[in-house]
Amino acid sequence: MTKASTFEEARAHLENQVFDIAILDIMGVNGHELLEPAIKKNVIAPMVTAHALSPEQTVTSFRKGAAVFVPKEKMGSMEIFLNDVLEAKEKGHSLWGQAGWLL
């Protein structure tokens, strides 16, 4: 597992390493800006936030290519969630249509 506590550190990891999944924190390291390098490298990028799901943040995450938008209070289910993400990718499905259990 690789962690980053700053935007610059996270961007450097994305640019210089190979990842299957990068969990991006919207507020912590400006995750929306990290979506571009993640998507370019075909990295699955779920977005997490401590704030309530807002329509604006959800739409922005979707349009920029995030795998899904996850509230941090659901992080306890992350192992199950990541398995669902990988299974959806393998089958060519979008998790956005199956994300109701996150709410």
N, C-alpha and C. Protein backbone atom coordinates (compact mmCIF):
# COMPACT_ATOMS: atom_id res chain seq x y z
N MET A 1 0.85 -1.16 0.00
CA MET A 1 0.00 0.00 0.00
C MET A 1 0.90 1.23 0.00
N THR A 2 0.52 2.22 -0.81
CA THR A 2 1.24 3.48 -0.88
C THR A 2 0.34 4.58 -0.39
N LYS A 3 0.86 5.45 0.47
CA LYS A 3 0.07 6.56 0.99
C LYS A 3 0.74 7.87 0.63
N ALA A 4 -0.09 8.90 0.50
CA ALA A 4 0.42 10.25 0.26
C ALA A 4 -0.37 11.21 1.10
N SER A 5 0.30 12.20 1.66
CA SER A 5 -0.40 13.18 2.49
C SER A 5 -0.48 14.55 1.83
N THR A 6 0.14 14.70 0.65
CA THR A 6 0.03 15.96 -0.08
C THR A 6 -0.33 15.67 -1.53
N PHE A 7 -0.85 16.68 -2.19
CA PHE A 7 -1.19 16.57 -3.60
C PHE A 7 0.05 16.21 -4.43
N GLU A 8 1.15 16.91 -4.19
CA GLU A 8 2.37 16.68 -4.97
C GLU A 8 2.90 15.26 -4.80
N GLU A 9 2.86 14.78 -3.57
CA GLU A 9 3.32 13.41 -3.30
C GLU A 9 2.42 12.38 -4.00
N ALA A 10 1.12 12.60 -3.93
CA ALA A 10 0.18 11.68 -4.58
C ALA A 10 0.36 11.69 -6.09
N ARG A 11 0.51 12.88 -6.67
CA ARG A 11 0.70 12.97 -8.12
C ARG A 11 1.98 12.26 -8.54
N ALA A 12 3.05 12.44 -7.77
CA ALA A 12 4.31 11.77 -8.09
C ALA A 12 4.16 10.25 -8.04
N HIS A 13 3.44 9.74 -7.04
CA HIS A 13 3.21 8.29 -6.97
C HIS A 13 2.44 7.82 -8.21
N LEU A 14 1.39 8.55 -8.57
CA LEU A 14 0.59 8.15 -9.74
C LEU A 14 1.39 8.19 -11.02
N GLU A 15 2.27 9.16 -11.14
CA GLU A 15 3.06 9.30 -12.36
C GLU A 15 4.21 8.30 -12.45
N ASN A 16 4.71 7.83 -11.30
CA ASN A 16 5.93 7.02 -11.31
C ASN A 16 5.76 5.56 -10.91
N GLN A 17 4.54 5.18 -10.51
CA GLN A 17 4.31 3.81 -10.10
C GLN A 17 3.10 3.25 -10.85
N VAL A 18 2.93 1.94 -10.74
CA VAL A 18 1.79 1.27 -11.36
C VAL A 18 0.81 0.88 -10.26
N PHE A 19 -0.46 1.25 -10.43
CA PHE A 19 -1.50 0.93 -9.46
C PHE A 19 -2.71 0.35 -10.19
N ASP A 20 -3.41 -0.55 -9.51
CA ASP A 20 -4.70 -1.02 -10.00
C ASP A 20 -5.80 -0.07 -9.53
N ILE A 21 -5.68 0.37 -8.26
CA ILE A 21 -6.69 1.23 -7.64
C ILE A 21 -5.98 2.34 -6.88
N ALA A 22 -6.53 3.55 -6.97
CA ALA A 22 -6.04 4.67 -6.17
C ALA A 22 -7.25 5.31 -5.51
N ILE A 23 -7.34 5.21 -4.18
CA ILE A 23 -8.44 5.82 -3.45
C ILE A 23 -8.07 7.28 -3.22
N LEU A 24 -8.85 8.17 -3.81
CA LEU A 24 -8.53 9.59 -3.78
C LEU A 24 -9.46 10.34 -2.85
N ASP A 25 -8.85 11.11 -1.95
CA ASP A 25 -9.61 11.92 -1.01
C ASP A 25 -9.84 13.29 -1.64
N ILE A 26 -11.10 13.65 -1.80
CA ILE A 26 -11.41 14.91 -2.47
C ILE A 26 -10.79 16.09 -1.76
N MET A 27 -10.95 16.18 -0.45
CA MET A 27 -10.47 17.34 0.29
C MET A 27 -9.02 17.18 0.73
N GLY A 28 -8.64 16.01 1.13
CA GLY A 28 -7.31 15.80 1.71
C GLY A 28 -6.17 16.09 0.76
N VAL A 29 -6.22 15.58 -0.45
CA VAL A 29 -5.14 15.80 -1.41
C VAL A 29 -5.68 16.26 -2.76
N ASN A 30 -6.81 16.96 -2.75
CA ASN A 30 -7.40 17.48 -3.98
C ASN A 30 -7.60 16.37 -5.00
N GLY A 31 -8.36 15.38 -4.60
CA GLY A 31 -8.57 14.18 -5.40
C GLY A 31 -9.10 14.43 -6.80
N HIS A 32 -9.94 15.44 -6.99
CA HIS A 32 -10.45 15.71 -8.34
C HIS A 32 -9.31 16.01 -9.32
N GLU A 33 -8.28 16.71 -8.87
CA GLU A 33 -7.15 17.02 -9.74
C GLU A 33 -6.27 15.79 -9.98
N LEU A 34 -6.33 14.81 -9.09
CA LEU A 34 -5.55 13.59 -9.26
C LEU A 34 -6.24 12.58 -10.16
N LEU A 35 -7.52 12.82 -10.46
CA LEU A 35 -8.23 11.89 -11.34
C LEU A 35 -7.60 11.82 -12.72
N GLU A 36 -7.19 12.95 -13.26
CA GLU A 36 -6.64 12.97 -14.62
C GLU A 36 -5.44 12.03 -14.78
N PRO A 37 -4.39 12.17 -13.95
CA PRO A 37 -3.28 11.23 -14.13
C PRO A 37 -3.66 9.78 -13.82
N ALA A 38 -4.60 9.57 -12.91
CA ALA A 38 -5.04 8.19 -12.61
C ALA A 38 -5.76 7.59 -13.81
N ILE A 39 -6.69 8.33 -14.38
CA ILE A 39 -7.46 7.83 -15.52
C ILE A 39 -6.56 7.59 -16.72
N LYS A 40 -5.59 8.48 -16.95
CA LYS A 40 -4.65 8.31 -18.07
C LYS A 40 -3.89 7.00 -17.98
N LYS A 41 -3.64 6.54 -16.74
CA LYS A 41 -2.89 5.30 -16.55
C LYS A 41 -3.81 4.10 -16.30
N ASN A 42 -5.12 4.30 -16.56
CA ASN A 42 -6.11 3.23 -16.41
C ASN A 42 -6.21 2.71 -14.98
N VAL A 43 -6.07 3.62 -14.03
CA VAL A 43 -6.17 3.28 -12.61
C VAL A 43 -7.62 3.49 -12.17
N ILE A 44 -8.20 2.50 -11.51
CA ILE A 44 -9.54 2.64 -10.94
C ILE A 44 -9.44 3.64 -9.80
N ALA A 45 -10.30 4.66 -9.81
CA ALA A 45 -10.16 5.74 -8.83
C ALA A 45 -11.47 6.04 -8.11
N PRO A 46 -11.74 5.33 -7.00
CA PRO A 46 -12.86 5.73 -6.15
C PRO A 46 -12.51 7.02 -5.41
N MET A 47 -13.51 7.88 -5.24
CA MET A 47 -13.32 9.14 -4.52
C MET A 47 -13.96 9.01 -3.15
N VAL A 48 -13.30 9.53 -2.11
CA VAL A 48 -13.87 9.52 -0.76
C VAL A 48 -13.90 10.95 -0.23
N THR A 49 -14.85 11.20 0.65
CA THR A 49 -14.96 12.51 1.27
C THR A 49 -15.60 12.38 2.64
N ALA A 50 -15.23 13.28 3.54
CA ALA A 50 -15.82 13.31 4.87
C ALA A 50 -17.15 14.05 4.86
N HIS A 51 -17.40 14.79 3.80
CA HIS A 51 -18.62 15.58 3.71
C HIS A 51 -19.77 14.74 3.15
N ALA A 52 -20.98 15.18 3.39
CA ALA A 52 -22.15 14.49 2.86
C ALA A 52 -22.10 14.49 1.33
N LEU A 53 -22.66 13.46 0.76
CA LEU A 53 -22.72 13.38 -0.70
C LEU A 53 -23.55 14.53 -1.23
N SER A 54 -22.95 15.37 -2.05
CA SER A 54 -23.70 16.45 -2.67
C SER A 54 -23.86 16.13 -4.15
N PRO A 55 -24.94 16.57 -4.74
CA PRO A 55 -25.12 16.31 -6.18
C PRO A 55 -23.96 16.88 -7.01
N GLU A 56 -23.47 18.06 -6.64
CA GLU A 56 -22.38 18.67 -7.40
C GLU A 56 -21.11 17.84 -7.35
N GLN A 57 -20.72 17.41 -6.14
CA GLN A 57 -19.50 16.61 -5.99
C GLN A 57 -19.65 15.26 -6.70
N THR A 58 -20.83 14.67 -6.59
CA THR A 58 -21.07 13.39 -7.24
C THR A 58 -20.96 13.51 -8.75
N VAL A 59 -21.58 14.52 -9.32
CA VAL A 59 -21.54 14.73 -10.78
C VAL A 59 -20.12 15.02 -11.23
N THR A 60 -19.41 15.86 -10.50
CA THR A 60 -18.02 16.18 -10.85
C THR A 60 -17.16 14.92 -10.84
N SER A 61 -17.31 14.11 -9.81
CA SER A 61 -16.54 12.87 -9.71
C SER A 61 -16.85 11.95 -10.89
N PHE A 62 -18.11 11.79 -11.22
CA PHE A 62 -18.53 10.93 -12.32
C PHE A 62 -17.97 11.43 -13.65
N ARG A 63 -18.14 12.72 -13.91
CA ARG A 63 -17.70 13.29 -15.20
C ARG A 63 -16.19 13.22 -15.39
N LYS A 64 -15.45 13.30 -14.31
CA LYS A 64 -14.00 13.26 -14.40
C LYS A 64 -13.46 11.83 -14.46
N GLY A 65 -14.34 10.84 -14.30
CA GLY A 65 -13.92 9.45 -14.46
C GLY A 65 -13.74 8.63 -13.20
N ALA A 66 -14.16 9.15 -12.06
CA ALA A 66 -14.03 8.38 -10.82
C ALA A 66 -14.84 7.09 -10.91
N ALA A 67 -14.36 6.05 -10.25
CA ALA A 67 -15.08 4.77 -10.23
C ALA A 67 -16.39 4.93 -9.49
N VAL A 68 -16.37 5.67 -8.38
CA VAL A 68 -17.55 5.91 -7.56
C VAL A 68 -17.18 6.95 -6.50
N PHE A 69 -18.16 7.49 -5.84
CA PHE A 69 -18.00 8.51 -4.80
C PHE A 69 -18.43 7.88 -3.49
N VAL A 70 -17.53 7.80 -2.49
CA VAL A 70 -17.80 7.07 -1.25
C VAL A 70 -17.66 7.99 -0.04
N PRO A 71 -18.68 8.07 0.82
CA PRO A 71 -18.52 8.84 2.06
C PRO A 71 -17.56 8.12 3.00
N LYS A 72 -16.73 8.87 3.72
CA LYS A 72 -15.73 8.26 4.60
C LYS A 72 -16.34 7.39 5.69
N GLU A 73 -17.57 7.67 6.09
CA GLU A 73 -18.18 6.84 7.13
C GLU A 73 -18.42 5.41 6.66
N LYS A 74 -18.28 5.16 5.35
CA LYS A 74 -18.41 3.81 4.81
C LYS A 74 -17.07 3.12 4.62
N MET A 75 -15.99 3.73 5.08
CA MET A 75 -14.65 3.17 4.89
C MET A 75 -14.48 1.81 5.57
N GLY A 76 -15.28 1.53 6.58
CA GLY A 76 -15.22 0.23 7.25
C GLY A 76 -15.60 -0.92 6.33
N SER A 77 -16.30 -0.61 5.26
CA SER A 77 -16.70 -1.60 4.26
C SER A 77 -15.81 -1.57 3.03
N MET A 78 -14.67 -0.94 3.12
CA MET A 78 -13.82 -0.72 1.95
C MET A 78 -13.38 -2.01 1.28
N GLU A 79 -13.06 -3.05 2.04
CA GLU A 79 -12.63 -4.31 1.42
C GLU A 79 -13.73 -4.87 0.54
N ILE A 80 -14.94 -4.87 1.03
CA ILE A 80 -16.08 -5.36 0.23
C ILE A 80 -16.27 -4.46 -0.98
N PHE A 81 -16.21 -3.16 -0.75
CA PHE A 81 -16.38 -2.20 -1.83
C PHE A 81 -15.35 -2.40 -2.93
N LEU A 82 -14.07 -2.52 -2.57
CA LEU A 82 -13.02 -2.68 -3.56
C LEU A 82 -13.17 -3.98 -4.34
N ASN A 83 -13.60 -5.03 -3.67
CA ASN A 83 -13.88 -6.28 -4.39
C ASN A 83 -14.99 -6.07 -5.41
N ASP A 84 -16.03 -5.32 -5.03
CA ASP A 84 -17.13 -5.01 -5.96
C ASP A 84 -16.62 -4.20 -7.15
N VAL A 85 -15.73 -3.24 -6.89
CA VAL A 85 -15.17 -2.41 -7.95
C VAL A 85 -14.38 -3.27 -8.94
N LEU A 86 -13.52 -4.14 -8.42
CA LEU A 86 -12.72 -4.99 -9.30
C LEU A 86 -13.59 -5.96 -10.10
N GLU A 87 -14.62 -6.50 -9.46
CA GLU A 87 -15.54 -7.40 -10.16
C GLU A 87 -16.30 -6.64 -11.26
N ALA A 88 -16.75 -5.44 -10.97
CA ALA A 88 -17.47 -4.65 -11.96
C ALA A 88 -16.56 -4.34 -13.15
N LYS A 89 -15.31 -3.98 -12.89
CA LYS A 89 -14.37 -3.69 -13.98
C LYS A 89 -14.14 -4.93 -14.83
N GLU A 90 -13.94 -6.07 -14.17
CA GLU A 90 -13.71 -7.32 -14.89
C GLU A 90 -14.86 -7.66 -15.83
N LYS A 91 -16.08 -7.34 -15.39
CA LYS A 91 -17.27 -7.63 -16.19
C LYS A 91 -17.63 -6.50 -17.15
N GLY A 92 -16.86 -5.39 -17.07
CA GLY A 92 -17.14 -4.26 -17.95
C GLY A 92 -18.33 -3.43 -17.51
N HIS A 93 -18.70 -3.51 -16.22
CA HIS A 93 -19.83 -2.76 -15.69
C HIS A 93 -19.35 -1.53 -14.94
N SER A 94 -20.24 -0.55 -14.83
CA SER A 94 -19.97 0.63 -14.03
C SER A 94 -20.51 0.41 -12.63
N LEU A 95 -19.72 0.75 -11.62
CA LEU A 95 -20.19 0.62 -10.25
C LEU A 95 -21.20 1.71 -9.91
N TRP A 96 -21.22 2.79 -10.64
CA TRP A 96 -22.13 3.90 -10.34
C TRP A 96 -23.57 3.43 -10.27
N GLY A 97 -23.96 2.49 -11.09
CA GLY A 97 -25.33 2.00 -11.09
C GLY A 97 -25.63 1.07 -9.91
N GLN A 98 -24.58 0.59 -9.22
CA GLN A 98 -24.73 -0.36 -8.13
C GLN A 98 -24.35 0.26 -6.78
N ALA A 99 -24.16 1.56 -6.73
CA ALA A 99 -23.60 2.19 -5.53
C ALA A 99 -24.64 2.55 -4.48
N GLY A 100 -25.88 2.13 -4.63
CA GLY A 100 -26.91 2.48 -3.66
C GLY A 100 -26.61 1.98 -2.26
N TRP A 101 -25.89 0.88 -2.13
CA TRP A 101 -25.59 0.35 -0.78
C TRP A 101 -24.65 1.28 -0.02
N LEU A 102 -23.97 2.21 -0.72
CA LEU A 102 -23.07 3.13 -0.05
C LEU A 102 -23.79 4.22 0.70
N LEU A 103 -25.01 4.51 0.32
CA LEU A 103 -25.72 5.66 0.89
C LEU A 103 -26.27 5.39 2.25
